[in-house]
N, C-alpha and C. Protein backbone atom coordinates (compact mmCIF):
# COMPACT_ATOMS: atom_id res chain seq x y z
N MET A 1 -55.92 -17.94 -234.68
CA MET A 1 -57.04 -17.12 -234.21
C MET A 1 -57.55 -18.16 -233.02
N GLU A 2 -57.79 -19.36 -233.27
CA GLU A 2 -58.64 -20.18 -232.12
C GLU A 2 -57.35 -20.53 -231.12
N GLU A 3 -55.99 -20.41 -231.30
CA GLU A 3 -55.16 -20.35 -230.56
C GLU A 3 -55.05 -19.55 -229.15
N GLN A 4 -55.18 -18.18 -229.89
CA GLN A 4 -55.29 -16.88 -229.08
C GLN A 4 -56.39 -16.87 -228.03
N THR A 5 -57.83 -17.56 -228.54
CA THR A 5 -58.86 -18.24 -227.44
C THR A 5 -58.57 -18.86 -226.31
N LYS A 6 -58.04 -19.86 -226.89
CA LYS A 6 -57.48 -20.78 -225.94
C LYS A 6 -56.64 -20.22 -224.79
N ILE A 7 -55.67 -19.64 -225.18
CA ILE A 7 -54.66 -18.99 -224.37
C ILE A 7 -55.33 -18.17 -223.31
N GLU A 8 -56.33 -17.29 -223.85
CA GLU A 8 -57.25 -16.40 -223.26
C GLU A 8 -58.16 -17.25 -222.18
N GLU A 9 -58.66 -17.81 -222.57
CA GLU A 9 -59.66 -18.86 -221.75
C GLU A 9 -58.29 -19.65 -220.49
N LEU A 10 -57.57 -20.21 -220.92
CA LEU A 10 -56.79 -20.55 -220.03
C LEU A 10 -55.96 -19.88 -218.73
N SER A 11 -55.78 -18.37 -219.39
CA SER A 11 -55.44 -17.21 -218.68
C SER A 11 -56.44 -17.06 -217.47
N ASP A 12 -57.92 -16.75 -218.12
CA ASP A 12 -58.92 -16.30 -217.26
C ASP A 12 -59.18 -17.81 -216.01
N LYS A 13 -59.29 -18.77 -216.42
CA LYS A 13 -59.27 -20.06 -215.66
C LYS A 13 -58.10 -19.85 -214.53
N LEU A 14 -56.93 -19.59 -215.13
CA LEU A 14 -55.66 -19.66 -213.97
C LEU A 14 -56.05 -18.19 -213.13
N LYS A 15 -56.35 -17.36 -213.54
CA LYS A 15 -56.88 -16.35 -212.58
C LYS A 15 -57.59 -16.48 -211.62
N SER A 16 -58.85 -17.18 -212.11
CA SER A 16 -59.77 -17.53 -211.45
C SER A 16 -59.73 -18.53 -210.05
N TYR A 17 -58.87 -19.53 -210.72
CA TYR A 17 -58.31 -20.54 -209.47
C TYR A 17 -57.01 -19.79 -208.74
N ILE A 18 -56.53 -18.77 -209.10
CA ILE A 18 -55.65 -18.09 -208.16
C ILE A 18 -56.53 -17.14 -207.13
N ASP A 19 -57.51 -16.63 -207.66
CA ASP A 19 -58.19 -16.21 -206.83
C ASP A 19 -58.87 -16.87 -205.93
N THR A 20 -59.67 -17.76 -206.23
CA THR A 20 -60.19 -18.95 -205.34
C THR A 20 -59.13 -19.54 -204.46
N ARG A 21 -58.05 -19.83 -204.73
CA ARG A 21 -56.80 -20.27 -203.76
C ARG A 21 -56.81 -19.29 -202.92
N TYR A 22 -56.44 -18.22 -202.94
CA TYR A 22 -56.34 -16.91 -201.98
C TYR A 22 -57.63 -16.77 -201.05
N ASP A 23 -58.63 -16.89 -201.66
CA ASP A 23 -59.96 -16.61 -200.85
C ASP A 23 -59.77 -17.93 -199.75
N LEU A 24 -59.59 -19.02 -200.26
CA LEU A 24 -59.51 -20.12 -199.34
C LEU A 24 -58.51 -19.94 -198.41
N ILE A 25 -57.60 -19.62 -198.50
CA ILE A 25 -56.31 -19.17 -197.66
C ILE A 25 -56.83 -18.16 -196.76
N VAL A 26 -57.32 -17.39 -197.18
CA VAL A 26 -57.73 -16.13 -196.45
C VAL A 26 -59.01 -16.66 -195.25
N LEU A 27 -59.64 -17.33 -195.74
CA LEU A 27 -60.97 -18.10 -194.63
C LEU A 27 -60.23 -18.71 -193.81
N ASN A 28 -59.34 -19.96 -194.13
CA ASN A 28 -58.79 -20.88 -193.18
C ASN A 28 -58.14 -20.15 -192.04
N THR A 29 -57.30 -18.97 -192.53
CA THR A 29 -56.48 -18.43 -191.90
C THR A 29 -57.37 -17.41 -190.91
N SER A 30 -58.39 -16.95 -191.10
CA SER A 30 -59.33 -16.44 -190.30
C SER A 30 -59.72 -17.46 -189.41
N ASP A 31 -60.15 -18.55 -189.76
CA ASP A 31 -60.94 -19.66 -188.86
C ASP A 31 -60.08 -20.07 -187.87
N LYS A 32 -58.75 -20.32 -188.23
CA LYS A 32 -57.89 -20.59 -187.42
C LYS A 32 -57.71 -19.41 -186.11
N VAL A 33 -57.39 -18.06 -186.80
CA VAL A 33 -57.29 -16.76 -185.77
C VAL A 33 -58.38 -16.65 -184.98
N SER A 34 -59.47 -17.02 -185.36
CA SER A 34 -60.67 -16.74 -184.32
C SER A 34 -60.78 -18.07 -183.18
N ILE A 35 -60.64 -19.08 -183.75
CA ILE A 35 -60.45 -20.30 -182.60
C ILE A 35 -59.53 -19.83 -181.59
N ILE A 36 -58.27 -19.58 -181.90
CA ILE A 36 -57.23 -19.50 -181.01
C ILE A 36 -57.63 -18.38 -180.25
N GLY A 37 -57.87 -17.19 -180.95
CA GLY A 37 -58.12 -16.10 -180.29
C GLY A 37 -59.44 -16.26 -179.17
N SER A 38 -60.38 -16.89 -179.49
CA SER A 38 -61.29 -17.19 -178.67
C SER A 38 -61.04 -18.03 -177.49
N GLN A 39 -60.19 -19.01 -177.79
CA GLN A 39 -59.60 -19.90 -176.49
C GLN A 39 -58.51 -19.06 -175.65
N PHE A 40 -57.99 -18.21 -176.45
CA PHE A 40 -57.00 -17.49 -175.79
C PHE A 40 -57.67 -16.50 -174.50
N ILE A 41 -58.98 -15.68 -175.11
CA ILE A 41 -59.76 -15.23 -174.21
C ILE A 41 -60.30 -15.94 -173.05
N ALA A 42 -60.96 -17.03 -173.33
CA ALA A 42 -61.40 -18.08 -172.31
C ALA A 42 -60.53 -18.28 -171.40
N TYR A 43 -59.20 -18.68 -171.80
CA TYR A 43 -58.23 -19.12 -170.50
C TYR A 43 -57.75 -17.92 -170.14
N LEU A 44 -57.76 -16.86 -170.38
CA LEU A 44 -57.19 -15.57 -169.90
C LEU A 44 -58.39 -15.15 -168.74
N ILE A 45 -59.65 -15.36 -168.85
CA ILE A 45 -60.51 -15.01 -168.05
C ILE A 45 -60.49 -16.14 -167.14
N ILE A 46 -60.31 -17.34 -167.15
CA ILE A 46 -60.53 -18.54 -166.14
C ILE A 46 -59.00 -18.41 -165.39
N GLY A 47 -57.80 -17.95 -166.07
CA GLY A 47 -56.58 -17.48 -165.54
C GLY A 47 -56.86 -16.61 -164.37
N ILE A 48 -57.38 -15.46 -164.88
CA ILE A 48 -57.74 -14.26 -164.00
C ILE A 48 -58.50 -14.76 -162.52
N LEU A 49 -59.47 -15.17 -162.99
CA LEU A 49 -60.28 -15.69 -161.67
C LEU A 49 -59.98 -16.66 -160.91
N SER A 50 -59.13 -17.78 -161.59
CA SER A 50 -58.25 -18.57 -160.90
C SER A 50 -57.12 -17.79 -159.84
N LEU A 51 -56.46 -17.04 -160.37
CA LEU A 51 -55.68 -16.35 -159.63
C LEU A 51 -56.38 -15.34 -158.69
N LEU A 52 -57.38 -14.51 -158.67
CA LEU A 52 -58.02 -14.21 -157.78
C LEU A 52 -58.45 -15.33 -156.49
N PHE A 53 -59.07 -16.41 -156.97
CA PHE A 53 -59.18 -17.22 -156.17
C PHE A 53 -58.15 -17.74 -154.81
N ILE A 54 -57.10 -17.88 -155.96
CA ILE A 54 -55.88 -18.38 -155.08
C ILE A 54 -55.20 -17.28 -154.02
N VAL A 55 -55.44 -16.20 -154.53
CA VAL A 55 -54.80 -15.14 -153.57
C VAL A 55 -55.72 -14.61 -152.44
N LEU A 56 -57.14 -14.73 -152.72
CA LEU A 56 -58.02 -14.46 -151.50
C LEU A 56 -57.84 -16.05 -150.61
N PHE A 57 -58.02 -17.02 -151.19
CA PHE A 57 -57.80 -18.26 -150.38
C PHE A 57 -56.43 -18.30 -149.59
N SER A 58 -55.24 -17.67 -150.23
CA SER A 58 -53.96 -17.64 -149.46
C SER A 58 -54.07 -16.69 -148.36
N ILE A 59 -54.64 -15.48 -148.52
CA ILE A 59 -54.72 -14.65 -147.52
C ILE A 59 -55.68 -15.26 -146.39
N ALA A 60 -56.66 -15.92 -146.83
CA ALA A 60 -57.33 -16.32 -145.56
C ALA A 60 -56.99 -17.62 -144.81
N LEU A 61 -56.06 -18.43 -145.73
CA LEU A 61 -55.23 -19.42 -144.85
C LEU A 61 -54.15 -18.90 -144.03
N SER A 62 -53.63 -17.76 -144.66
CA SER A 62 -52.32 -17.18 -143.63
C SER A 62 -53.09 -16.97 -142.32
N LEU A 63 -54.19 -16.04 -142.43
CA LEU A 63 -54.63 -15.54 -141.33
C LEU A 63 -55.30 -16.46 -140.45
N TYR A 64 -56.13 -17.70 -140.97
CA TYR A 64 -56.19 -18.67 -139.87
C TYR A 64 -55.02 -19.37 -139.39
N ILE A 65 -53.98 -19.54 -139.93
CA ILE A 65 -52.88 -20.38 -139.18
C ILE A 65 -52.31 -19.29 -138.57
N SER A 66 -52.29 -17.86 -138.91
CA SER A 66 -51.76 -17.06 -137.79
C SER A 66 -52.70 -16.58 -136.47
N SER A 67 -53.81 -17.04 -136.56
CA SER A 67 -54.75 -17.09 -135.43
C SER A 67 -54.34 -18.63 -134.60
N VAL A 68 -54.34 -19.61 -135.38
CA VAL A 68 -53.86 -20.79 -134.61
C VAL A 68 -52.91 -20.80 -133.86
N TYR A 69 -51.79 -20.09 -134.40
CA TYR A 69 -50.40 -20.42 -133.95
C TYR A 69 -50.08 -18.92 -133.15
N GLY A 70 -51.10 -17.83 -132.90
CA GLY A 70 -51.06 -16.54 -131.84
C GLY A 70 -49.94 -15.64 -132.34
N SER A 71 -49.30 -15.90 -133.68
CA SER A 71 -48.34 -15.02 -134.03
C SER A 71 -48.96 -14.37 -135.94
N SER A 72 -48.81 -13.13 -135.86
CA SER A 72 -49.28 -12.51 -137.01
C SER A 72 -48.46 -12.92 -138.02
N PHE A 73 -47.53 -13.25 -137.90
CA PHE A 73 -46.43 -13.48 -139.14
C PHE A 73 -46.20 -15.12 -139.70
N ILE A 74 -46.62 -16.03 -138.92
CA ILE A 74 -46.32 -17.36 -138.76
C ILE A 74 -46.89 -17.82 -140.23
N GLY A 75 -48.50 -17.49 -140.17
CA GLY A 75 -49.25 -17.99 -141.11
C GLY A 75 -48.89 -17.50 -142.65
N PHE A 76 -48.42 -16.20 -142.64
CA PHE A 76 -47.83 -15.71 -143.96
C PHE A 76 -46.72 -16.54 -144.15
N PHE A 77 -46.29 -16.50 -143.42
CA PHE A 77 -44.52 -17.49 -143.96
C PHE A 77 -44.86 -18.85 -144.09
N ALA A 78 -45.88 -19.54 -143.68
CA ALA A 78 -46.03 -20.65 -143.86
C ALA A 78 -46.72 -20.96 -145.22
N VAL A 79 -47.53 -19.87 -145.63
CA VAL A 79 -48.21 -20.24 -147.12
C VAL A 79 -47.20 -19.72 -147.89
N GLY A 80 -46.14 -18.72 -147.50
CA GLY A 80 -45.28 -18.40 -148.27
C GLY A 80 -44.12 -19.39 -148.96
N GLY A 81 -44.01 -20.49 -147.73
CA GLY A 81 -43.09 -21.43 -148.03
C GLY A 81 -43.53 -22.53 -148.84
N ILE A 82 -45.23 -22.60 -148.95
CA ILE A 82 -45.61 -23.50 -149.80
C ILE A 82 -45.51 -23.00 -151.18
N TYR A 83 -45.67 -22.18 -151.34
CA TYR A 83 -45.28 -21.53 -152.51
C TYR A 83 -44.04 -21.54 -153.31
N LEU A 84 -43.06 -21.61 -151.99
CA LEU A 84 -41.62 -21.82 -152.55
C LEU A 84 -41.55 -23.11 -152.83
N VAL A 85 -42.25 -23.80 -152.11
CA VAL A 85 -41.95 -25.37 -152.49
C VAL A 85 -42.68 -25.63 -154.04
N LEU A 86 -43.82 -25.13 -154.05
CA LEU A 86 -44.71 -25.45 -155.51
C LEU A 86 -43.75 -24.61 -156.63
N THR A 87 -43.12 -23.77 -156.37
CA THR A 87 -42.30 -22.77 -157.55
C THR A 87 -40.92 -23.97 -158.04
N ILE A 88 -40.55 -24.41 -156.84
CA ILE A 88 -39.15 -25.25 -156.93
C ILE A 88 -39.72 -26.46 -157.60
N LEU A 89 -40.88 -27.22 -157.11
CA LEU A 89 -41.21 -28.52 -158.16
C LEU A 89 -41.77 -27.91 -159.52
N LEU A 90 -42.07 -26.77 -160.07
CA LEU A 90 -42.40 -26.42 -161.22
C LEU A 90 -41.38 -26.23 -162.06
N ILE A 91 -40.49 -25.66 -161.36
CA ILE A 91 -39.13 -25.50 -162.24
C ILE A 91 -38.41 -26.92 -162.36
N VAL A 92 -38.46 -27.80 -161.47
CA VAL A 92 -38.07 -29.06 -161.70
C VAL A 92 -38.69 -29.78 -162.55
N PHE A 93 -39.64 -29.71 -162.74
CA PHE A 93 -40.89 -30.32 -163.63
C PHE A 93 -41.28 -29.68 -164.98
N LYS A 94 -40.43 -28.40 -165.34
CA LYS A 94 -41.21 -27.60 -166.16
C LYS A 94 -41.49 -28.31 -167.60
N LYS A 95 -40.48 -29.55 -168.07
CA LYS A 95 -40.87 -29.86 -169.26
C LYS A 95 -42.01 -30.58 -169.19
N GLN A 96 -42.32 -31.49 -168.23
CA GLN A 96 -43.78 -32.40 -168.03
C GLN A 96 -45.15 -31.17 -168.03
N VAL A 97 -45.05 -30.05 -167.72
CA VAL A 97 -45.77 -28.93 -167.37
C VAL A 97 -46.01 -28.15 -168.72
N THR A 98 -44.87 -27.83 -169.39
CA THR A 98 -45.07 -26.91 -170.71
C THR A 98 -45.60 -27.67 -171.66
N ASN A 99 -44.93 -29.34 -171.79
CA ASN A 99 -45.31 -29.80 -173.30
C ASN A 99 -46.92 -29.95 -173.26
N PRO A 100 -47.85 -30.15 -172.35
CA PRO A 100 -49.26 -30.22 -172.72
C PRO A 100 -49.45 -28.80 -173.25
N PHE A 101 -49.10 -27.89 -172.91
CA PHE A 101 -49.60 -26.45 -173.42
C PHE A 101 -49.19 -26.39 -174.61
N ARG A 102 -47.98 -26.69 -174.97
CA ARG A 102 -47.25 -26.68 -176.24
C ARG A 102 -48.21 -27.46 -177.58
N ASN A 103 -48.39 -28.74 -176.94
CA ASN A 103 -49.24 -29.70 -177.84
C ASN A 103 -50.27 -29.01 -177.81
N MET A 104 -51.27 -28.51 -177.22
CA MET A 104 -52.41 -27.60 -177.31
C MET A 104 -52.52 -26.50 -178.29
N ILE A 105 -51.33 -25.82 -177.96
CA ILE A 105 -51.47 -24.66 -179.22
C ILE A 105 -51.16 -25.28 -180.53
N ILE A 106 -50.31 -26.35 -180.76
CA ILE A 106 -50.02 -27.06 -182.05
C ILE A 106 -51.03 -27.59 -182.77
N ARG A 107 -51.87 -27.99 -181.74
CA ARG A 107 -53.38 -28.72 -182.40
C ARG A 107 -54.12 -27.74 -182.80
N ALA A 108 -54.12 -26.61 -182.06
CA ALA A 108 -55.21 -25.56 -182.26
C ALA A 108 -54.60 -24.82 -183.67
N VAL A 109 -53.48 -24.60 -183.90
CA VAL A 109 -52.95 -23.90 -185.28
C VAL A 109 -53.27 -25.01 -186.48
N LEU A 110 -52.68 -26.36 -186.21
CA LEU A 110 -53.11 -27.24 -186.85
C LEU A 110 -54.63 -27.56 -187.30
N ASN A 111 -55.43 -27.14 -186.43
CA ASN A 111 -56.67 -27.18 -186.76
C ASN A 111 -57.26 -28.88 -186.34
N GLU A 112 -56.54 -29.47 -185.39
CA GLU A 112 -56.85 -30.56 -185.25
C GLU A 112 -57.96 -30.99 -184.00
N THR A 113 -58.47 -30.01 -183.49
CA THR A 113 -59.24 -29.75 -182.18
C THR A 113 -60.84 -30.32 -182.78
N ARG A 114 -60.90 -29.96 -183.80
CA ARG A 114 -62.40 -30.29 -184.34
C ARG A 114 -62.72 -31.88 -184.12
């Protein structure tokens, strides 16, 4: 009889431990998801605003170069050429550009950012 109560007590404690462990995993996961989600939204807003700035600045620069050289196309070709050179540089140095972003994501997932 005494062994039966010890087994039941052990069983109850094991169930309690498993429930507590499950709750801890859920809380840690939700914490990480909320951190990564909020960072994603912040970076998305910054990216959209930066893109808007770049587009408007490019149009203004193209119009300025066009007015300086007296041709309505030369400014747009010049700015397009600048973007072509930047694209080629990004392709050549892709690994050096992507590694910091990859490391940032890994740190966020492993919760090392705090």
